[in-house]
Amino acid sequence: MGFEGETWRVRDRADGGLVGEIRIEEADFPWLSGRFTPGPAFGAVRTLFARELELALSDDEGHWEEWEPVQGEIGRRMRLDSPDGPVAGFLLHVDGDRAWFRWSDEPLGPRP
């Protein structure tokens, strides 16, 4: 699909600060994944990403109800920029130096 080798950027919606960069290494549509390099604004959202991943990987009853507002907060506070510019909607997971995400030209549901 031609995504490999691209660099996507996660930015703070409020001030455009760089949260991190994702160098795409694998495209398994609709998911893209690659190496995550944190930017200067990552420290402010590190715990948000950790909580999102913890809930996404959980098998506890009701974990999706807890996950949705956390993922919503990521979408409210950050934007994902493709090499062509911002995307309308995304789901993003960050785990250390790895990130995987899916994106859309349309918003991916309501932001609670």
PDB file of N, CA and C in Angstrom:
ATOM      1  N   MET A   1       0.802  -1.194   0.000  1.00  0.00           N
ATOM      2  CA  MET A   1       0.000   0.000   0.000  1.00  0.00           C
ATOM      3  C   MET A   1       0.845   1.257   0.000  1.00  0.00           C
ATOM      4  N   GLY A   2       2.141   1.140   0.184  1.00  0.00           N
ATOM      5  CA  GLY A   2       2.986   2.298   0.100  1.00  0.00           C
ATOM      6  C   GLY A   2       3.162   3.093   1.378  1.00  0.00           C
ATOM      7  N   PHE A   3       2.732   2.563   2.515  1.00  0.00           N
ATOM      8  CA  PHE A   3       2.877   3.297   3.773  1.00  0.00           C
ATOM      9  C   PHE A   3       4.251   3.097   4.406  1.00  0.00           C
ATOM     10  N   GLU A   4       4.884   1.938   4.156  1.00  0.00           N
ATOM     11  CA  GLU A   4       6.163   1.644   4.783  1.00  0.00           C
ATOM     12  C   GLU A   4       7.173   2.746   4.495  1.00  0.00           C
ATOM     13  N   GLY A   5       7.883   3.140   5.546  1.00  0.00           N
ATOM     14  CA  GLY A   5       8.892   4.184   5.420  1.00  0.00           C
ATOM     15  C   GLY A   5       8.368   5.592   5.685  1.00  0.00           C
ATOM     16  N   GLU A   6       7.063   5.769   5.698  1.00  0.00           N
ATOM     17  CA  GLU A   6       6.497   7.086   5.978  1.00  0.00           C
ATOM     18  C   GLU A   6       6.649   7.425   7.460  1.00  0.00           C
ATOM     19  N   THR A   7       6.661   8.703   7.751  1.00  0.00           N
ATOM     20  CA  THR A   7       6.665   9.177   9.132  1.00  0.00           C
ATOM     21  C   THR A   7       5.364   9.913   9.391  1.00  0.00           C
ATOM     22  N   TRP A   8       4.636   9.429  10.383  1.00  0.00           N
ATOM     23  CA  TRP A   8       3.395  10.067  10.843  1.00  0.00           C
ATOM     24  C   TRP A   8       3.708  10.747  12.162  1.00  0.00           C
ATOM     25  N   ARG A   9       3.041  11.850  12.437  1.00  0.00           N
ATOM     26  CA  ARG A   9       3.319  12.615  13.650  1.00  0.00           C
ATOM     27  C   ARG A   9       2.071  12.744  14.520  1.00  0.00           C
ATOM     28  N   VAL A  10       2.277  12.618  15.818  1.00  0.00           N
ATOM     29  CA  VAL A  10       1.224  12.843  16.804  1.00  0.00           C
ATOM     30  C   VAL A  10       1.520  14.208  17.420  1.00  0.00           C
ATOM     31  N   ARG A  11       0.514  15.090  17.374  1.00  0.00           N
ATOM     32  CA  ARG A  11       0.709  16.458  17.864  1.00  0.00           C
ATOM     33  C   ARG A  11      -0.356  16.828  18.886  1.00  0.00           C
ATOM     34  N   ASP A  12       0.005  17.712  19.787  1.00  0.00           N
ATOM     35  CA  ASP A  12      -0.918  18.281  20.753  1.00  0.00           C
ATOM     36  C   ASP A  12      -1.873  19.204  19.998  1.00  0.00           C
ATOM     37  N   ARG A  13      -3.170  19.002  20.176  1.00  0.00           N
ATOM     38  CA  ARG A  13      -4.149  19.851  19.478  1.00  0.00           C
ATOM     39  C   ARG A  13      -4.086  21.305  19.934  1.00  0.00           C
ATOM     40  N   ALA A  14      -3.750  21.533  21.199  1.00  0.00           N
ATOM     41  CA  ALA A  14      -3.781  22.888  21.744  1.00  0.00           C
ATOM     42  C   ALA A  14      -2.682  23.774  21.170  1.00  0.00           C
ATOM     43  N   ASP A  15      -1.461  23.241  21.119  1.00  0.00           N
ATOM     44  CA  ASP A  15      -0.351  24.102  20.699  1.00  0.00           C
ATOM     45  C   ASP A  15       0.484  23.531  19.553  1.00  0.00           C
ATOM     46  N   GLY A  16       0.108  22.358  19.029  1.00  0.00           N
ATOM     47  CA  GLY A  16       0.844  21.752  17.926  1.00  0.00           C
ATOM     48  C   GLY A  16       2.144  21.095  18.331  1.00  0.00           C
ATOM     49  N   GLY A  17       2.416  21.043  19.661  1.00  0.00           N
ATOM     50  CA  GLY A  17       3.659  20.423  20.131  1.00  0.00           C
ATOM     51  C   GLY A  17       3.763  18.969  19.694  1.00  0.00           C
ATOM     52  N   LEU A  18       4.976  18.550  19.413  1.00  0.00           N
ATOM     53  CA  LEU A  18       5.211  17.184  18.935  1.00  0.00           C
ATOM     54  C   LEU A  18       5.166  16.194  20.086  1.00  0.00           C
ATOM     55  N   VAL A  19       4.159  15.314  20.061  1.00  0.00           N
ATOM     56  CA  VAL A  19       4.034  14.238  21.030  1.00  0.00           C
ATOM     57  C   VAL A  19       4.951  13.089  20.626  1.00  0.00           C
ATOM     58  N   GLY A  20       5.037  12.816  19.342  1.00  0.00           N
ATOM     59  CA  GLY A  20       5.916  11.763  18.872  1.00  0.00           C
ATOM     60  C   GLY A  20       5.796  11.531  17.385  1.00  0.00           C
ATOM     61  N   GLU A  21       6.718  10.732  16.885  1.00  0.00           N
ATOM     62  CA  GLU A  21       6.730  10.350  15.471  1.00  0.00           C
ATOM     63  C   GLU A  21       6.657   8.838  15.373  1.00  0.00           C
ATOM     64  N   ILE A  22       5.955   8.369  14.348  1.00  0.00           N
ATOM     65  CA  ILE A  22       5.834   6.936  14.083  1.00  0.00           C
ATOM     66  C   ILE A  22       6.390   6.684  12.687  1.00  0.00           C
ATOM     67  N   ARG A  23       7.467   5.928  12.627  1.00  0.00           N
ATOM     68  CA  ARG A  23       8.058   5.534  11.344  1.00  0.00           C
ATOM     69  C   ARG A  23       7.420   4.201  10.968  1.00  0.00           C
ATOM     70  N   ILE A  24       6.606   4.191   9.917  1.00  0.00           N
ATOM     71  CA  ILE A  24       5.829   3.009   9.547  1.00  0.00           C
ATOM     72  C   ILE A  24       6.744   1.895   9.034  1.00  0.00           C
ATOM     73  N   GLU A  25       6.594   0.719   9.664  1.00  0.00           N
ATOM     74  CA  GLU A  25       7.361  -0.463   9.280  1.00  0.00           C
ATOM     75  C   GLU A  25       6.474  -1.563   8.720  1.00  0.00           C
ATOM     76  N   GLU A  26       5.184  -1.526   9.070  1.00  0.00           N
ATOM     77  CA  GLU A  26       4.273  -2.579   8.607  1.00  0.00           C
ATOM     78  C   GLU A  26       2.882  -2.000   8.375  1.00  0.00           C
ATOM     79  N   ALA A  27       2.291  -2.395   7.271  1.00  0.00           N
ATOM     80  CA  ALA A  27       0.918  -2.002   6.944  1.00  0.00           C
ATOM     81  C   ALA A  27       0.093  -3.265   6.780  1.00  0.00           C
ATOM     82  N   ASP A  28      -0.819  -3.473   7.708  1.00  0.00           N
ATOM     83  CA  ASP A  28      -1.744  -4.601   7.670  1.00  0.00           C
ATOM     84  C   ASP A  28      -3.133  -3.988   7.765  1.00  0.00           C
ATOM     85  N   PHE A  29      -3.609  -3.461   6.635  1.00  0.00           N
ATOM     86  CA  PHE A  29      -4.813  -2.649   6.593  1.00  0.00           C
ATOM     87  C   PHE A  29      -5.948  -3.278   7.381  1.00  0.00           C
ATOM     88  N   PRO A  30      -6.590  -2.537   8.279  1.00  0.00           N
ATOM     89  CA  PRO A  30      -6.543  -1.080   8.409  1.00  0.00           C
ATOM     90  C   PRO A  30      -5.503  -0.572   9.399  1.00  0.00           C
ATOM     91  N   TRP A  31      -4.642  -1.455   9.928  1.00  0.00           N
ATOM     92  CA  TRP A  31      -3.664  -1.048  10.932  1.00  0.00           C
ATOM     93  C   TRP A  31      -2.316  -0.756  10.305  1.00  0.00           C
ATOM     94  N   LEU A  32      -1.657   0.290  10.807  1.00  0.00           N
ATOM     95  CA  LEU A  32      -0.274   0.603  10.472  1.00  0.00           C
ATOM     96  C   LEU A  32       0.513   0.534  11.775  1.00  0.00           C
ATOM     97  N   SER A  33       1.759   0.108  11.704  1.00  0.00           N
ATOM     98  CA  SER A  33       2.569   0.020  12.918  1.00  0.00           C
ATOM     99  C   SER A  33       4.006   0.380  12.602  1.00  0.00           C
ATOM    100  N   GLY A  34       4.705   0.791  13.649  1.00  0.00           N
ATOM    101  CA  GLY A  34       6.102   1.138  13.450  1.00  0.00           C
ATOM    102  C   GLY A  34       6.775   1.610  14.720  1.00  0.00           C
ATOM    103  N   ARG A  35       7.973   2.140  14.525  1.00  0.00           N
ATOM    104  CA  ARG A  35       8.793   2.619  15.631  1.00  0.00           C
ATOM    105  C   ARG A  35       8.306   3.983  16.083  1.00  0.00           C
ATOM    106  N   PHE A  36       8.085   4.108  17.403  1.00  0.00           N
ATOM    107  CA  PHE A  36       7.632   5.358  17.990  1.00  0.00           C
ATOM    108  C   PHE A  36       8.812   6.070  18.638  1.00  0.00           C
ATOM    109  N   THR A  37       8.977   7.326  18.275  1.00  0.00           N
ATOM    110  CA  THR A  37       9.994   8.171  18.888  1.00  0.00           C
ATOM    111  C   THR A  37       9.278   9.307  19.604  1.00  0.00           C
ATOM    112  N   PRO A  38       9.377   9.360  20.936  1.00  0.00           N
ATOM    113  CA  PRO A  38       8.665  10.415  21.663  1.00  0.00           C
ATOM    114  C   PRO A  38       9.235  11.795  21.349  1.00  0.00           C
ATOM    115  N   GLY A  39       8.336  12.771  21.356  1.00  0.00           N
ATOM    116  CA  GLY A  39       8.730  14.159  21.171  1.00  0.00           C
ATOM    117  C   GLY A  39       8.684  14.900  22.495  1.00  0.00           C
ATOM    118  N   PRO A  40       8.970  16.196  22.472  1.00  0.00           N
ATOM    119  CA  PRO A  40       9.003  16.990  23.700  1.00  0.00           C
ATOM    120  C   PRO A  40       7.687  17.003  24.466  1.00  0.00           C
ATOM    121  N   ALA A  41       6.550  16.853  23.792  1.00  0.00           N
ATOM    122  CA  ALA A  41       5.239  16.915  24.458  1.00  0.00           C
ATOM    123  C   ALA A  41       4.759  15.554  24.974  1.00  0.00           C
ATOM    124  N   PHE A  42       5.567  14.501  24.814  1.00  0.00           N
ATOM    125  CA  PHE A  42       5.120  13.166  25.216  1.00  0.00           C
ATOM    126  C   PHE A  42       4.983  13.020  26.726  1.00  0.00           C
ATOM    127  N   GLY A  43       5.856  13.627  27.487  1.00  0.00           N
ATOM    128  CA  GLY A  43       5.825  13.482  28.936  1.00  0.00           C
ATOM    129  C   GLY A  43       4.477  13.830  29.541  1.00  0.00           C
ATOM    130  N   ALA A  44       3.788  14.799  28.968  1.00  0.00           N
ATOM    131  CA  ALA A  44       2.499  15.238  29.496  1.00  0.00           C
ATOM    132  C   ALA A  44       1.380  14.230  29.250  1.00  0.00           C
ATOM    133  N   VAL A  45       1.583  13.289  28.318  1.00  0.00           N
ATOM    134  CA  VAL A  45       0.524  12.323  27.984  1.00  0.00           C
ATOM    135  C   VAL A  45       0.969  10.870  28.131  1.00  0.00           C
ATOM    136  N   ARG A  46       2.163  10.667  28.628  1.00  0.00           N
ATOM    137  CA  ARG A  46       2.702   9.302  28.783  1.00  0.00           C
ATOM    138  C   ARG A  46       1.747   8.411  29.582  1.00  0.00           C
ATOM    139  N   THR A  47       1.231   8.900  30.718  1.00  0.00           N
ATOM    140  CA  THR A  47       0.347   8.076  31.555  1.00  0.00           C
ATOM    141  C   THR A  47      -0.995   7.822  30.874  1.00  0.00           C
ATOM    142  N   LEU A  48      -1.455   8.751  30.045  1.00  0.00           N
ATOM    143  CA  LEU A  48      -2.700   8.560  29.296  1.00  0.00           C
ATOM    144  C   LEU A  48      -2.545   7.393  28.319  1.00  0.00           C
ATOM    145  N   PHE A  49      -1.435   7.342  27.595  1.00  0.00           N
ATOM    146  CA  PHE A  49      -1.185   6.226  26.679  1.00  0.00           C
ATOM    147  C   PHE A  49      -1.022   4.913  27.439  1.00  0.00           C
ATOM    148  N   ALA A  50      -0.359   4.951  28.585  1.00  0.00           N
ATOM    149  CA  ALA A  50      -0.179   3.733  29.376  1.00  0.00           C
ATOM    150  C   ALA A  50      -1.530   3.200  29.848  1.00  0.00           C
ATOM    151  N   ARG A  51      -2.400   4.075  30.304  1.00  0.00           N
ATOM    152  CA  ARG A  51      -3.731   3.649  30.767  1.00  0.00           C
ATOM    153  C   ARG A  51      -4.557   3.106  29.598  1.00  0.00           C
ATOM    154  N   GLU A  52      -4.494   3.776  28.451  1.00  0.00           N
ATOM    155  CA  GLU A  52      -5.245   3.312  27.276  1.00  0.00           C
ATOM    156  C   GLU A  52      -4.816   1.907  26.898  1.00  0.00           C
ATOM    157  N   LEU A  53      -3.520   1.659  26.855  1.00  0.00           N
ATOM    158  CA  LEU A  53      -3.026   0.338  26.464  1.00  0.00           C
ATOM    159  C   LEU A  53      -3.399  -0.713  27.497  1.00  0.00           C
ATOM    160  N   GLU A  54      -3.275  -0.374  28.772  1.00  0.00           N
ATOM    161  CA  GLU A  54      -3.659  -1.299  29.837  1.00  0.00           C
ATOM    162  C   GLU A  54      -5.114  -1.729  29.682  1.00  0.00           C
ATOM    163  N   LEU A  55      -5.992  -0.778  29.418  1.00  0.00           N
ATOM    164  CA  LEU A  55      -7.416  -1.103  29.258  1.00  0.00           C
ATOM    165  C   LEU A  55      -7.687  -1.852  27.961  1.00  0.00           C
ATOM    166  N   ALA A  56      -7.010  -1.483  26.883  1.00  0.00           N
ATOM    167  CA  ALA A  56      -7.221  -2.161  25.599  1.00  0.00           C
ATOM    168  C   ALA A  56      -6.817  -3.631  25.667  1.00  0.00           C
ATOM    169  N   LEU A  57      -5.801  -3.934  26.449  1.00  0.00           N
ATOM    170  CA  LEU A  57      -5.306  -5.311  26.545  1.00  0.00           C
ATOM    171  C   LEU A  57      -5.978  -6.108  27.661  1.00  0.00           C
ATOM    172  N   SER A  58      -6.792  -5.452  28.450  1.00  0.00           N
ATOM    173  CA  SER A  58      -7.451  -6.099  29.578  1.00  0.00           C
ATOM    174  C   SER A  58      -8.553  -7.043  29.106  1.00  0.00           C
ATOM    175  N   ASP A  59      -8.816  -8.049  29.918  1.00  0.00           N
ATOM    176  CA  ASP A  59      -9.964  -8.906  29.636  1.00  0.00           C
ATOM    177  C   ASP A  59     -10.968  -8.843  30.784  1.00  0.00           C
ATOM    178  N   ASP A  60     -10.827  -7.831  31.631  1.00  0.00           N
ATOM    179  CA  ASP A  60     -11.774  -7.638  32.733  1.00  0.00           C
ATOM    180  C   ASP A  60     -13.135  -7.238  32.189  1.00  0.00           C
ATOM    181  N   GLU A  61     -14.159  -7.699  32.888  1.00  0.00           N
ATOM    182  CA  GLU A  61     -15.516  -7.319  32.505  1.00  0.00           C
ATOM    183  C   GLU A  61     -15.661  -5.801  32.600  1.00  0.00           C
ATOM    184  N   GLY A  62     -16.202  -5.221  31.570  1.00  0.00           N
ATOM    185  CA  GLY A  62     -16.441  -3.783  31.560  1.00  0.00           C
ATOM    186  C   GLY A  62     -15.254  -2.936  31.152  1.00  0.00           C
ATOM    187  N   HIS A  63     -14.140  -3.559  30.741  1.00  0.00           N
ATOM    188  CA  HIS A  63     -12.967  -2.745  30.418  1.00  0.00           C
ATOM    189  C   HIS A  63     -13.188  -1.829  29.219  1.00  0.00           C
ATOM    190  N   TRP A  64     -14.036  -2.212  28.279  1.00  0.00           N
ATOM    191  CA  TRP A  64     -14.265  -1.338  27.114  1.00  0.00           C
ATOM    192  C   TRP A  64     -14.997  -0.063  27.525  1.00  0.00           C
ATOM    193  N   GLU A  65     -15.868  -0.172  28.534  1.00  0.00           N
ATOM    194  CA  GLU A  65     -16.556   1.024  29.016  1.00  0.00           C
ATOM    195  C   GLU A  65     -15.572   1.996  29.663  1.00  0.00           C
ATOM    196  N   GLU A  66     -14.518   1.475  30.276  1.00  0.00           N
ATOM    197  CA  GLU A  66     -13.473   2.329  30.843  1.00  0.00           C
ATOM    198  C   GLU A  66     -12.530   2.838  29.749  1.00  0.00           C
ATOM    199  N   TRP A  67     -12.286   2.008  28.736  1.00  0.00           N
ATOM    200  CA  TRP A  67     -11.353   2.353  27.667  1.00  0.00           C
ATOM    201  C   TRP A  67     -11.867   3.505  26.803  1.00  0.00           C
ATOM    202  N   GLU A  68     -13.158   3.495  26.482  1.00  0.00           N
ATOM    203  CA  GLU A  68     -13.695   4.498  25.559  1.00  0.00           C
ATOM    204  C   GLU A  68     -13.408   5.937  25.967  1.00  0.00           C
ATOM    205  N   PRO A  69     -13.642   6.348  27.218  1.00  0.00           N
ATOM    206  CA  PRO A  69     -13.333   7.737  27.564  1.00  0.00           C
ATOM    207  C   PRO A  69     -11.831   8.052  27.516  1.00  0.00           C
ATOM    208  N   VAL A  70     -10.989   7.056  27.805  1.00  0.00           N
ATOM    209  CA  VAL A  70      -9.542   7.280  27.741  1.00  0.00           C
ATOM    210  C   VAL A  70      -9.122   7.484  26.290  1.00  0.00           C
ATOM    211  N   GLN A  71      -9.611   6.624  25.401  1.00  0.00           N
ATOM    212  CA  GLN A  71      -9.307   6.788  23.978  1.00  0.00           C
ATOM    213  C   GLN A  71      -9.888   8.110  23.477  1.00  0.00           C
ATOM    214  N   GLY A  72     -11.068   8.472  23.958  1.00  0.00           N
ATOM    215  CA  GLY A  72     -11.672   9.748  23.593  1.00  0.00           C
ATOM    216  C   GLY A  72     -10.810  10.926  24.002  1.00  0.00           C
ATOM    217  N   GLU A  73     -10.202  10.825  25.176  1.00  0.00           N
ATOM    218  CA  GLU A  73      -9.305  11.886  25.660  1.00  0.00           C
ATOM    219  C   GLU A  73      -8.085  12.015  24.754  1.00  0.00           C
ATOM    220  N   ILE A  74      -7.551  10.898  24.300  1.00  0.00           N
ATOM    221  CA  ILE A  74      -6.431  10.936  23.354  1.00  0.00           C
ATOM    222  C   ILE A  74      -6.856  11.690  22.097  1.00  0.00           C
ATOM    223  N   GLY A  75      -8.040  11.366  21.574  1.00  0.00           N
ATOM    224  CA  GLY A  75      -8.536  12.046  20.378  1.00  0.00           C
ATOM    225  C   GLY A  75      -8.810  13.522  20.584  1.00  0.00           C
ATOM    226  N   ARG A  76      -9.235  13.895  21.783  1.00  0.00           N
ATOM    227  CA  ARG A  76      -9.487  15.315  22.073  1.00  0.00           C
ATOM    228  C   ARG A  76      -8.193  16.110  22.230  1.00  0.00           C
ATOM    229  N   ARG A  77      -7.201  15.480  22.849  1.00  0.00           N
ATOM    230  CA  ARG A  77      -5.971  16.202  23.165  1.00  0.00           C
ATOM    231  C   ARG A  77      -4.932  16.163  22.060  1.00  0.00           C
ATOM    232  N   MET A  78      -5.042  15.167  21.170  1.00  0.00           N
ATOM    233  CA  MET A  78      -4.014  14.991  20.155  1.00  0.00           C
ATOM    234  C   MET A  78      -4.614  14.862  18.768  1.00  0.00           C
ATOM    235  N   ARG A  79      -3.778  15.108  17.795  1.00  0.00           N
ATOM    236  CA  ARG A  79      -4.153  14.857  16.414  1.00  0.00           C
ATOM    237  C   ARG A  79      -3.068  13.987  15.794  1.00  0.00           C
ATOM    238  N   LEU A  80      -3.451  13.264  14.753  1.00  0.00           N
ATOM    239  CA  LEU A  80      -2.514  12.414  14.027  1.00  0.00           C
ATOM    240  C   LEU A  80      -2.350  12.992  12.633  1.00  0.00           C
ATOM    241  N   ASP A  81      -1.108  13.283  12.292  1.00  0.00           N
ATOM    242  CA  ASP A  81      -0.793  13.847  10.979  1.00  0.00           C
ATOM    243  C   ASP A  81      -0.119  12.801  10.108  1.00  0.00           C
ATOM    244  N   SER A  82      -0.739  12.518   8.965  1.00  0.00           N
ATOM    245  CA  SER A  82      -0.108  11.675   7.951  1.00  0.00           C
ATOM    246  C   SER A  82       0.891  12.553   7.203  1.00  0.00           C
ATOM    247  N   PRO A  83       1.673  11.993   6.293  1.00  0.00           N
ATOM    248  CA  PRO A  83       2.552  12.838   5.486  1.00  0.00           C
ATOM    249  C   PRO A  83       1.778  13.875   4.661  1.00  0.00           C
ATOM    250  N   ASP A  84       0.478  13.635   4.445  1.00  0.00           N
ATOM    251  CA  ASP A  84      -0.350  14.568   3.671  1.00  0.00           C
ATOM    252  C   ASP A  84      -1.119  15.555   4.543  1.00  0.00           C
ATOM    253  N   GLY A  85      -1.018  15.423   5.862  1.00  0.00           N
ATOM    254  CA  GLY A  85      -1.721  16.324   6.758  1.00  0.00           C
ATOM    255  C   GLY A  85      -2.556  15.580   7.772  1.00  0.00           C
ATOM    256  N   PRO A  86      -3.307  16.318   8.610  1.00  0.00           N
ATOM    257  CA  PRO A  86      -4.092  15.687   9.675  1.00  0.00           C
ATOM    258  C   PRO A  86      -5.164  14.746   9.140  1.00  0.00           C
ATOM    259  N   VAL A  87      -5.406  13.658   9.891  1.00  0.00           N
ATOM    260  CA  VAL A  87      -6.491  12.736   9.568  1.00  0.00           C
ATOM    261  C   VAL A  87      -7.682  13.082  10.457  1.00  0.00           C
ATOM    262  N   ALA A  88      -8.877  12.705  10.030  1.00  0.00           N
ATOM    263  CA  ALA A  88     -10.097  13.079  10.762  1.00  0.00           C
ATOM    264  C   ALA A  88     -10.306  12.244  12.018  1.00  0.00           C
ATOM    265  N   GLY A  89      -9.948  10.969  11.985  1.00  0.00           N
ATOM    266  CA  GLY A  89     -10.169  10.091  13.117  1.00  0.00           C
ATOM    267  C   GLY A  89      -9.071   9.047  13.209  1.00  0.00           C
ATOM    268  N   PHE A  90      -8.800   8.589  14.431  1.00  0.00           N
ATOM    269  CA  PHE A  90      -7.764   7.574  14.610  1.00  0.00           C
ATOM    270  C   PHE A  90      -7.935   6.861  15.945  1.00  0.00           C
ATOM    271  N   LEU A  91      -7.403   5.655  16.003  1.00  0.00           N
ATOM    272  CA  LEU A  91      -7.225   4.886  17.233  1.00  0.00           C
ATOM    273  C   LEU A  91      -5.739   4.585  17.313  1.00  0.00           C
ATOM    274  N   LEU A  92      -5.115   4.945  18.416  1.00  0.00           N
ATOM    275  CA  LEU A  92      -3.657   4.857  18.526  1.00  0.00           C
ATOM    276  C   LEU A  92      -3.270   4.180  19.827  1.00  0.00           C
ATOM    277  N   HIS A  93      -2.332   3.243  19.717  1.00  0.00           N
ATOM    278  CA  HIS A  93      -1.753   2.572  20.876  1.00  0.00           C
ATOM    279  C   HIS A  93      -0.244   2.826  20.854  1.00  0.00           C
ATOM    280  N   VAL A  94       0.313   3.141  22.008  1.00  0.00           N
ATOM    281  CA  VAL A  94       1.759   3.339  22.134  1.00  0.00           C
ATOM    282  C   VAL A  94       2.250   2.445  23.260  1.00  0.00           C
ATOM    283  N   ASP A  95       3.298   1.675  22.969  1.00  0.00           N
ATOM    284  CA  ASP A  95       3.897   0.781  23.953  1.00  0.00           C
ATOM    285  C   ASP A  95       5.416   0.878  23.803  1.00  0.00           C
ATOM    286  N   GLY A  96       6.032   1.699  24.649  1.00  0.00           N
ATOM    287  CA  GLY A  96       7.479   1.890  24.555  1.00  0.00           C
ATOM    288  C   GLY A  96       7.855   2.527  23.231  1.00  0.00           C
ATOM    289  N   ASP A  97       8.710   1.832  22.481  1.00  0.00           N
ATOM    290  CA  ASP A  97       9.140   2.379  21.188  1.00  0.00           C
ATOM    291  C   ASP A  97       8.324   1.832  20.018  1.00  0.00           C
ATOM    292  N   ARG A  98       7.152   1.285  20.314  1.00  0.00           N
ATOM    293  CA  ARG A  98       6.267   0.755  19.265  1.00  0.00           C
ATOM    294  C   ARG A  98       4.939   1.481  19.311  1.00  0.00           C
ATOM    295  N   ALA A  99       4.340   1.687  18.151  1.00  0.00           N
ATOM    296  CA  ALA A  99       3.005   2.277  18.055  1.00  0.00           C
ATOM    297  C   ALA A  99       2.263   1.596  16.926  1.00  0.00           C
ATOM    298  N   TRP A 100       0.963   1.441  17.092  1.00  0.00           N
ATOM    299  CA  TRP A 100       0.117   0.924  16.018  1.00  0.00           C
ATOM    300  C   TRP A 100      -1.193   1.689  16.064  1.00  0.00           C
ATOM    301  N   PHE A 101      -1.735   1.905  14.886  1.00  0.00           N
ATOM    302  CA  PHE A 101      -2.923   2.739  14.791  1.00  0.00           C
ATOM    303  C   PHE A 101      -3.708   2.417  13.531  1.00  0.00           C
ATOM    304  N   ARG A 102      -4.957   2.862  13.565  1.00  0.00           N
ATOM    305  CA  ARG A 102      -5.795   2.877  12.368  1.00  0.00           C
ATOM    306  C   ARG A 102      -6.331   4.286  12.250  1.00  0.00           C
ATOM    307  N   TRP A 103      -6.601   4.703  11.042  1.00  0.00           N
ATOM    308  CA  TRP A 103      -7.046   6.070  10.819  1.00  0.00           C
ATOM    309  C   TRP A 103      -8.167   6.091   9.802  1.00  0.00           C
ATOM    310  N   SER A 104      -8.836   7.228   9.733  1.00  0.00           N
ATOM    311  CA  SER A 104      -9.965   7.382   8.829  1.00  0.00           C
ATOM    312  C   SER A 104     -10.050   8.826   8.367  1.00  0.00           C
ATOM    313  N   ASP A 105     -10.623   8.995   7.198  1.00  0.00           N
ATOM    314  CA  ASP A 105     -10.924  10.340   6.701  1.00  0.00           C
ATOM    315  C   ASP A 105     -12.174  10.902   7.366  1.00  0.00           C
ATOM    316  N   GLU A 106     -12.865  10.055   8.120  1.00  0.00           N
ATOM    317  CA  GLU A 106     -14.070  10.457   8.863  1.00  0.00           C
ATOM    318  C   GLU A 106     -13.785  10.281  10.351  1.00  0.00           C
ATOM    319  N   PRO A 107     -14.387  11.090  11.202  1.00  0.00           N
ATOM    320  CA  PRO A 107     -14.232  10.865  12.650  1.00  0.00           C
ATOM    321  C   PRO A 107     -14.664   9.457  13.028  1.00  0.00           C
ATOM    322  N   LEU A 108     -13.964   8.856  13.998  1.00  0.00           N
ATOM    323  CA  LEU A 108     -14.228   7.471  14.410  1.00  0.00           C
ATOM    324  C   LEU A 108     -15.161   7.419  15.615  1.00  0.00           C
ATOM    325  N   GLY A 109     -16.275   8.065  15.553  1.00  0.00           N
ATOM    326  CA  GLY A 109     -17.250   7.970  16.631  1.00  0.00           C
ATOM    327  C   GLY A 109     -17.245   9.196  17.515  1.00  0.00           C
ATOM    328  N   PRO A 110     -18.193   9.228  18.412  1.00  0.00           N
ATOM    329  CA  PRO A 110     -18.322  10.405  19.283  1.00  0.00           C
ATOM    330  C   PRO A 110     -17.159  10.491  20.248  1.00  0.00           C
ATOM    331  N   ARG A 111     -16.810  11.701  20.607  1.00  0.00           N
ATOM    332  CA  ARG A 111     -15.792  11.952  21.620  1.00  0.00           C
ATOM    333  C   ARG A 111     -16.511  12.342  22.897  1.00  0.00           C
ATOM    334  N   PRO A 112     -16.569  11.396  23.873  1.00  0.00           N
ATOM    335  CA  PRO A 112     -17.305  11.668  25.118  1.00  0.00           C
ATOM    336  C   PRO A 112     -16.735  12.872  25.852  1.00  0.00           C
TER     337      PRO A 112
END
